[in-house]
PDB file of all heavy atoms in Angstrom:
ATOM      1  N   ILE A   1      -8.358 -17.797   5.057  1.00  0.00           N
ATOM      2  CA  ILE A   1      -9.574 -18.611   4.874  1.00  0.00           C
ATOM      3  C   ILE A   1      -9.659 -19.106   3.431  1.00  0.00           C
ATOM      4  O   ILE A   1      -9.963 -20.281   3.177  1.00  0.00           O
ATOM      5  CB  ILE A   1     -10.825 -17.792   5.254  1.00  0.00           C
ATOM      6  CG1 ILE A   1     -10.864 -17.568   6.771  1.00  0.00           C
ATOM      7  CG2 ILE A   1     -12.106 -18.497   4.802  1.00  0.00           C
ATOM      8  CD1 ILE A   1     -11.933 -16.592   7.222  1.00  0.00           C
ATOM      9  N   LYS A   2      -9.382 -18.222   2.471  1.00  0.00           N
ATOM     10  CA  LYS A   2      -9.389 -18.625   1.060  1.00  0.00           C
ATOM     11  C   LYS A   2      -8.304 -19.656   0.785  1.00  0.00           C
ATOM     12  O   LYS A   2      -8.522 -20.627   0.049  1.00  0.00           O
ATOM     13  CB  LYS A   2      -9.191 -17.406   0.165  1.00  0.00           C
ATOM     14  CG  LYS A   2     -10.341 -16.420   0.143  1.00  0.00           C
ATOM     15  CD  LYS A   2     -11.559 -16.978  -0.552  1.00  0.00           C
ATOM     16  CE  LYS A   2     -11.358 -17.121  -2.042  1.00  0.00           C
ATOM     17  NZ  LYS A   2     -12.612 -17.582  -2.729  1.00  0.00           N
ATOM     18  N   LEU A   3      -7.126 -19.460   1.383  1.00  0.00           N
ATOM     19  CA  LEU A   3      -6.000 -20.364   1.175  1.00  0.00           C
ATOM     20  C   LEU A   3      -6.341 -21.786   1.599  1.00  0.00           C
ATOM     21  O   LEU A   3      -5.941 -22.754   0.943  1.00  0.00           O
ATOM     22  CB  LEU A   3      -4.778 -19.860   1.945  1.00  0.00           C
ATOM     23  CG  LEU A   3      -3.500 -20.707   1.850  1.00  0.00           C
ATOM     24  CD1 LEU A   3      -2.973 -20.712   0.419  1.00  0.00           C
ATOM     25  CD2 LEU A   3      -2.436 -20.174   2.808  1.00  0.00           C
ATOM     26  N   TYR A   4      -7.100 -21.918   2.688  1.00  0.00           N
ATOM     27  CA  TYR A   4      -7.416 -23.248   3.212  1.00  0.00           C
ATOM     28  C   TYR A   4      -8.761 -23.778   2.722  1.00  0.00           C
ATOM     29  O   TYR A   4      -9.290 -24.739   3.265  1.00  0.00           O
ATOM     30  CB  TYR A   4      -7.360 -23.235   4.741  1.00  0.00           C
ATOM     31  CG  TYR A   4      -5.941 -23.234   5.261  1.00  0.00           C
ATOM     32  CD1 TYR A   4      -5.296 -22.049   5.587  1.00  0.00           C
ATOM     33  CD2 TYR A   4      -5.220 -24.422   5.376  1.00  0.00           C
ATOM     34  CE1 TYR A   4      -3.981 -22.040   6.037  1.00  0.00           C
ATOM     35  CE2 TYR A   4      -3.906 -24.431   5.827  1.00  0.00           C
ATOM     36  CZ  TYR A   4      -3.292 -23.231   6.153  1.00  0.00           C
ATOM     37  OH  TYR A   4      -1.991 -23.239   6.590  1.00  0.00           O
ATOM     38  N   GLY A   5      -9.314 -23.150   1.692  1.00  0.00           N
ATOM     39  CA  GLY A   5     -10.474 -23.712   1.031  1.00  0.00           C
ATOM     40  C   GLY A   5     -11.819 -23.192   1.495  1.00  0.00           C
ATOM     41  O   GLY A   5     -12.860 -23.710   1.078  1.00  0.00           O
ATOM     42  N   GLY A   6     -11.836 -22.161   2.337  1.00  0.00           N
ATOM     43  CA  GLY A   6     -13.091 -21.587   2.791  1.00  0.00           C
ATOM     44  C   GLY A   6     -13.398 -20.275   2.094  1.00  0.00           C
ATOM     45  O   GLY A   6     -12.631 -19.811   1.229  1.00  0.00           O
ATOM     46  N   ASN A   7     -14.517 -19.664   2.451  1.00  0.00           N
ATOM     47  CA  ASN A   7     -14.903 -18.370   1.895  1.00  0.00           C
ATOM     48  C   ASN A   7     -15.347 -17.443   3.020  1.00  0.00           C
ATOM     49  O   ASN A   7     -16.258 -17.792   3.785  1.00  0.00           O
ATOM     50  CB  ASN A   7     -16.057 -18.532   0.892  1.00  0.00           C
ATOM     51  CG  ASN A   7     -15.593 -19.160  -0.405  1.00  0.00           C
ATOM     52  OD1 ASN A   7     -14.735 -18.632  -1.099  1.00  0.00           O
ATOM     53  ND2 ASN A   7     -16.149 -20.312  -0.725  1.00  0.00           N
ATOM     54  N   PRO A   8     -14.700 -16.288   3.147  1.00  0.00           N
ATOM     55  CA  PRO A   8     -15.095 -15.349   4.211  1.00  0.00           C
ATOM     56  C   PRO A   8     -16.473 -14.766   3.960  1.00  0.00           C
ATOM     57  O   PRO A   8     -16.838 -14.468   2.819  1.00  0.00           O
ATOM     58  CB  PRO A   8     -14.006 -14.267   4.155  1.00  0.00           C
ATOM     59  CG  PRO A   8     -13.461 -14.348   2.769  1.00  0.00           C
ATOM     60  CD  PRO A   8     -13.586 -15.772   2.338  1.00  0.00           C
ATOM     61  N   ALA A   9     -17.245 -14.615   5.023  1.00  0.00           N
ATOM     62  CA  ALA A   9     -18.597 -14.056   4.910  1.00  0.00           C
ATOM     63  C   ALA A   9     -18.602 -12.547   5.042  1.00  0.00           C
ATOM     64  O   ALA A   9     -19.604 -11.899   4.725  1.00  0.00           O
ATOM     65  CB  ALA A   9     -19.509 -14.665   5.970  1.00  0.00           C
ATOM     66  N   ASN A  10     -17.488 -11.990   5.537  1.00  0.00           N
ATOM     67  CA  ASN A  10     -17.490 -10.543   5.774  1.00  0.00           C
ATOM     68  C   ASN A  10     -16.082 -10.050   6.091  1.00  0.00           C
ATOM     69  O   ASN A  10     -15.180 -10.829   6.391  1.00  0.00           O
ATOM     70  CB  ASN A  10     -18.411 -10.196   6.955  1.00  0.00           C
ATOM     71  CG  ASN A  10     -17.954 -10.876   8.230  1.00  0.00           C
ATOM     72  OD1 ASN A  10     -18.333 -12.015   8.507  1.00  0.00           O
ATOM     73  ND2 ASN A  10     -17.113 -10.208   9.018  1.00  0.00           N
ATOM     74  N   PHE A  11     -15.949  -8.752   6.011  1.00  0.00           N
ATOM     75  CA  PHE A  11     -14.822  -8.020   6.595  1.00  0.00           C
ATOM     76  C   PHE A  11     -15.385  -7.311   7.815  1.00  0.00           C
ATOM     77  O   PHE A  11     -16.359  -6.566   7.709  1.00  0.00           O
ATOM     78  CB  PHE A  11     -14.294  -7.007   5.574  1.00  0.00           C
ATOM     79  CG  PHE A  11     -13.293  -6.020   6.119  1.00  0.00           C
ATOM     80  CD1 PHE A  11     -11.938  -6.231   5.962  1.00  0.00           C
ATOM     81  CD2 PHE A  11     -13.712  -4.866   6.763  1.00  0.00           C
ATOM     82  CE1 PHE A  11     -11.018  -5.310   6.443  1.00  0.00           C
ATOM     83  CE2 PHE A  11     -12.795  -3.942   7.252  1.00  0.00           C
ATOM     84  CZ  PHE A  11     -11.442  -4.168   7.086  1.00  0.00           C
ATOM     85  N   LEU A  12     -14.809  -7.570   9.000  1.00  0.00           N
ATOM     86  CA  LEU A  12     -15.298  -6.942  10.226  1.00  0.00           C
ATOM     87  C   LEU A  12     -14.124  -6.596  11.126  1.00  0.00           C
ATOM     88  O   LEU A  12     -13.485  -7.471  11.709  1.00  0.00           O
ATOM     89  CB  LEU A  12     -16.272  -7.864  10.960  1.00  0.00           C
ATOM     90  CG  LEU A  12     -16.795  -7.401  12.328  1.00  0.00           C
ATOM     91  CD1 LEU A  12     -17.383  -6.006  12.253  1.00  0.00           C
ATOM     92  CD2 LEU A  12     -17.827  -8.380  12.864  1.00  0.00           C
ATOM     93  N   ASP A  13     -13.833  -5.311  11.206  1.00  0.00           N
ATOM     94  CA  ASP A  13     -12.741  -4.795  12.040  1.00  0.00           C
ATOM     95  C   ASP A  13     -13.356  -4.047  13.221  1.00  0.00           C
ATOM     96  O   ASP A  13     -13.976  -2.999  13.039  1.00  0.00           O
ATOM     97  CB  ASP A  13     -11.850  -3.873  11.208  1.00  0.00           C
ATOM     98  CG  ASP A  13     -10.829  -3.104  12.046  1.00  0.00           C
ATOM     99  OD1 ASP A  13     -10.559  -3.529  13.183  1.00  0.00           O
ATOM    100  OD2 ASP A  13     -10.325  -2.079  11.556  1.00  0.00           O
ATOM    101  N   ILE A  14     -13.190  -4.613  14.437  1.00  0.00           N
ATOM    102  CA  ILE A  14     -13.789  -3.988  15.623  1.00  0.00           C
ATOM    103  C   ILE A  14     -12.829  -3.034  16.325  1.00  0.00           C
ATOM    104  O   ILE A  14     -13.179  -2.455  17.352  1.00  0.00           O
ATOM    105  CB  ILE A  14     -14.294  -5.044  16.627  1.00  0.00           C
ATOM    106  CG1 ILE A  14     -13.129  -5.899  17.149  1.00  0.00           C
ATOM    107  CG2 ILE A  14     -15.378  -5.902  16.011  1.00  0.00           C
ATOM    108  CD1 ILE A  14     -13.510  -6.778  18.322  1.00  0.00           C
ATOM    109  N   GLY A  15     -11.617  -2.876  15.782  1.00  0.00           N
ATOM    110  CA  GLY A  15     -10.665  -1.967  16.415  1.00  0.00           C
ATOM    111  C   GLY A  15     -10.008  -2.597  17.635  1.00  0.00           C
ATOM    112  O   GLY A  15     -10.079  -3.804  17.847  1.00  0.00           O
ATOM    113  N   GLY A  16      -9.394  -1.767  18.467  1.00  0.00           N
ATOM    114  CA  GLY A  16      -8.592  -2.281  19.573  1.00  0.00           C
ATOM    115  C   GLY A  16      -9.318  -2.451  20.885  1.00  0.00           C
ATOM    116  O   GLY A  16      -8.710  -2.831  21.885  1.00  0.00           O
ATOM    117  N   SER A  17     -10.618  -2.199  20.913  1.00  0.00           N
ATOM    118  CA  SER A  17     -11.336  -2.247  22.182  1.00  0.00           C
ATOM    119  C   SER A  17     -11.759  -3.666  22.550  1.00  0.00           C
ATOM    120  O   SER A  17     -12.068  -4.485  21.678  1.00  0.00           O
ATOM    121  CB  SER A  17     -12.579  -1.354  22.105  1.00  0.00           C
ATOM    122  OG  SER A  17     -13.367  -1.514  23.257  1.00  0.00           O
ATOM    123  N   SER A  18     -11.775  -3.989  23.854  1.00  0.00           N
ATOM    124  CA  SER A  18     -12.309  -5.260  24.348  1.00  0.00           C
ATOM    125  C   SER A  18     -13.687  -5.053  24.959  1.00  0.00           C
ATOM    126  O   SER A  18     -14.182  -5.916  25.687  1.00  0.00           O
ATOM    127  CB  SER A  18     -11.355  -5.862  25.386  1.00  0.00           C
ATOM    128  OG  SER A  18     -11.190  -4.966  26.486  1.00  0.00           O
ATOM    129  N   ASN A  19     -14.306  -3.908  24.695  1.00  0.00           N
ATOM    130  CA  ASN A  19     -15.609  -3.564  25.241  1.00  0.00           C
ATOM    131  C   ASN A  19     -16.645  -4.617  24.838  1.00  0.00           C
ATOM    132  O   ASN A  19     -16.906  -4.809  23.648  1.00  0.00           O
ATOM    133  CB  ASN A  19     -16.023  -2.187  24.696  1.00  0.00           C
ATOM    134  CG  ASN A  19     -17.326  -1.689  25.305  1.00  0.00           C
ATOM    135  OD1 ASN A  19     -18.130  -2.462  25.791  1.00  0.00           O
ATOM    136  ND2 ASN A  19     -17.524  -0.382  25.255  1.00  0.00           N
ATOM    137  N   PRO A  20     -17.262  -5.321  25.800  1.00  0.00           N
ATOM    138  CA  PRO A  20     -18.225  -6.371  25.453  1.00  0.00           C
ATOM    139  C   PRO A  20     -19.425  -5.852  24.682  1.00  0.00           C
ATOM    140  O   PRO A  20     -19.998  -6.574  23.859  1.00  0.00           O
ATOM    141  CB  PRO A  20     -18.628  -6.949  26.819  1.00  0.00           C
ATOM    142  CG  PRO A  20     -18.242  -5.920  27.826  1.00  0.00           C
ATOM    143  CD  PRO A  20     -17.064  -5.213  27.257  1.00  0.00           C
ATOM    144  N   ILE A  21     -19.838  -4.603  24.922  1.00  0.00           N
ATOM    145  CA  ILE A  21     -20.984  -4.039  24.205  1.00  0.00           C
ATOM    146  C   ILE A  21     -20.665  -3.944  22.715  1.00  0.00           C
ATOM    147  O   ILE A  21     -21.495  -4.257  21.861  1.00  0.00           O
ATOM    148  CB  ILE A  21     -21.358  -2.654  24.777  1.00  0.00           C
ATOM    149  CG1 ILE A  21     -21.827  -2.792  26.226  1.00  0.00           C
ATOM    150  CG2 ILE A  21     -22.430  -1.987  23.925  1.00  0.00           C
ATOM    151  CD1 ILE A  21     -22.096  -1.484  26.924  1.00  0.00           C
ATOM    152  N   LYS A  22     -19.435  -3.524  22.409  1.00  0.00           N
ATOM    153  CA  LYS A  22     -19.012  -3.423  21.017  1.00  0.00           C
ATOM    154  C   LYS A  22     -18.973  -4.803  20.371  1.00  0.00           C
ATOM    155  O   LYS A  22     -19.392  -4.981  19.226  1.00  0.00           O
ATOM    156  CB  LYS A  22     -17.633  -2.758  20.952  1.00  0.00           C
ATOM    157  CG  LYS A  22     -17.227  -2.268  19.571  1.00  0.00           C
ATOM    158  CD  LYS A  22     -15.929  -1.479  19.673  1.00  0.00           C
ATOM    159  CE  LYS A  22     -15.572  -0.823  18.361  1.00  0.00           C
ATOM    160  NZ  LYS A  22     -14.323  -0.042  18.448  1.00  0.00           N
ATOM    161  N   VAL A  23     -18.489  -5.799  21.122  1.00  0.00           N
ATOM    162  CA  VAL A  23     -18.446  -7.166  20.606  1.00  0.00           C
ATOM    163  C   VAL A  23     -19.861  -7.674  20.338  1.00  0.00           C
ATOM    164  O   VAL A  23     -20.133  -8.305  19.316  1.00  0.00           O
ATOM    165  CB  VAL A  23     -17.715  -8.102  21.595  1.00  0.00           C
ATOM    166  CG1 VAL A  23     -17.810  -9.551  21.131  1.00  0.00           C
ATOM    167  CG2 VAL A  23     -16.258  -7.695  21.743  1.00  0.00           C
ATOM    168  N   ILE A  24     -20.781  -7.396  21.249  1.00  0.00           N
ATOM    169  CA  ILE A  24     -22.171  -7.826  21.084  1.00  0.00           C
ATOM    170  C   ILE A  24     -22.771  -7.219  19.820  1.00  0.00           C
ATOM    171  O   ILE A  24     -23.398  -7.915  19.011  1.00  0.00           O
ATOM    172  CB  ILE A  24     -23.017  -7.434  22.320  1.00  0.00           C
ATOM    173  CG1 ILE A  24     -22.599  -8.268  23.535  1.00  0.00           C
ATOM    174  CG2 ILE A  24     -24.504  -7.628  22.046  1.00  0.00           C
ATOM    175  CD1 ILE A  24     -23.182  -7.761  24.841  1.00  0.00           C
ATOM    176  N   GLU A  25     -22.593  -5.908  19.624  1.00  0.00           N
ATOM    177  CA  GLU A  25     -23.146  -5.236  18.458  1.00  0.00           C
ATOM    178  C   GLU A  25     -22.547  -5.795  17.167  1.00  0.00           C
ATOM    179  O   GLU A  25     -23.252  -5.997  16.176  1.00  0.00           O
ATOM    180  CB  GLU A  25     -22.903  -3.726  18.539  1.00  0.00           C
ATOM    181  CG  GLU A  25     -23.647  -3.020  19.659  1.00  0.00           C
ATOM    182  CD  GLU A  25     -25.158  -3.111  19.508  1.00  0.00           C
ATOM    183  OE1 GLU A  25     -25.632  -3.171  18.358  1.00  0.00           O
ATOM    184  OE2 GLU A  25     -25.856  -3.150  20.529  1.00  0.00           O
ATOM    185  N   ALA A  26     -21.230  -6.049  17.197  1.00  0.00           N
ATOM    186  CA  ALA A  26     -20.565  -6.590  16.017  1.00  0.00           C
ATOM    187  C   ALA A  26     -21.061  -8.003  15.712  1.00  0.00           C
ATOM    188  O   ALA A  26     -21.316  -8.352  14.551  1.00  0.00           O
ATOM    189  CB  ALA A  26     -19.054  -6.588  16.214  1.00  0.00           C
TER     190      ALA A  26
END
């Protein structure tokens, strides 16, 4: 993101789960 001229708003690692509840909370 920095390389292409943007700025990241956060670091967010949700791990390996595809659990929709976890995605919603994140």
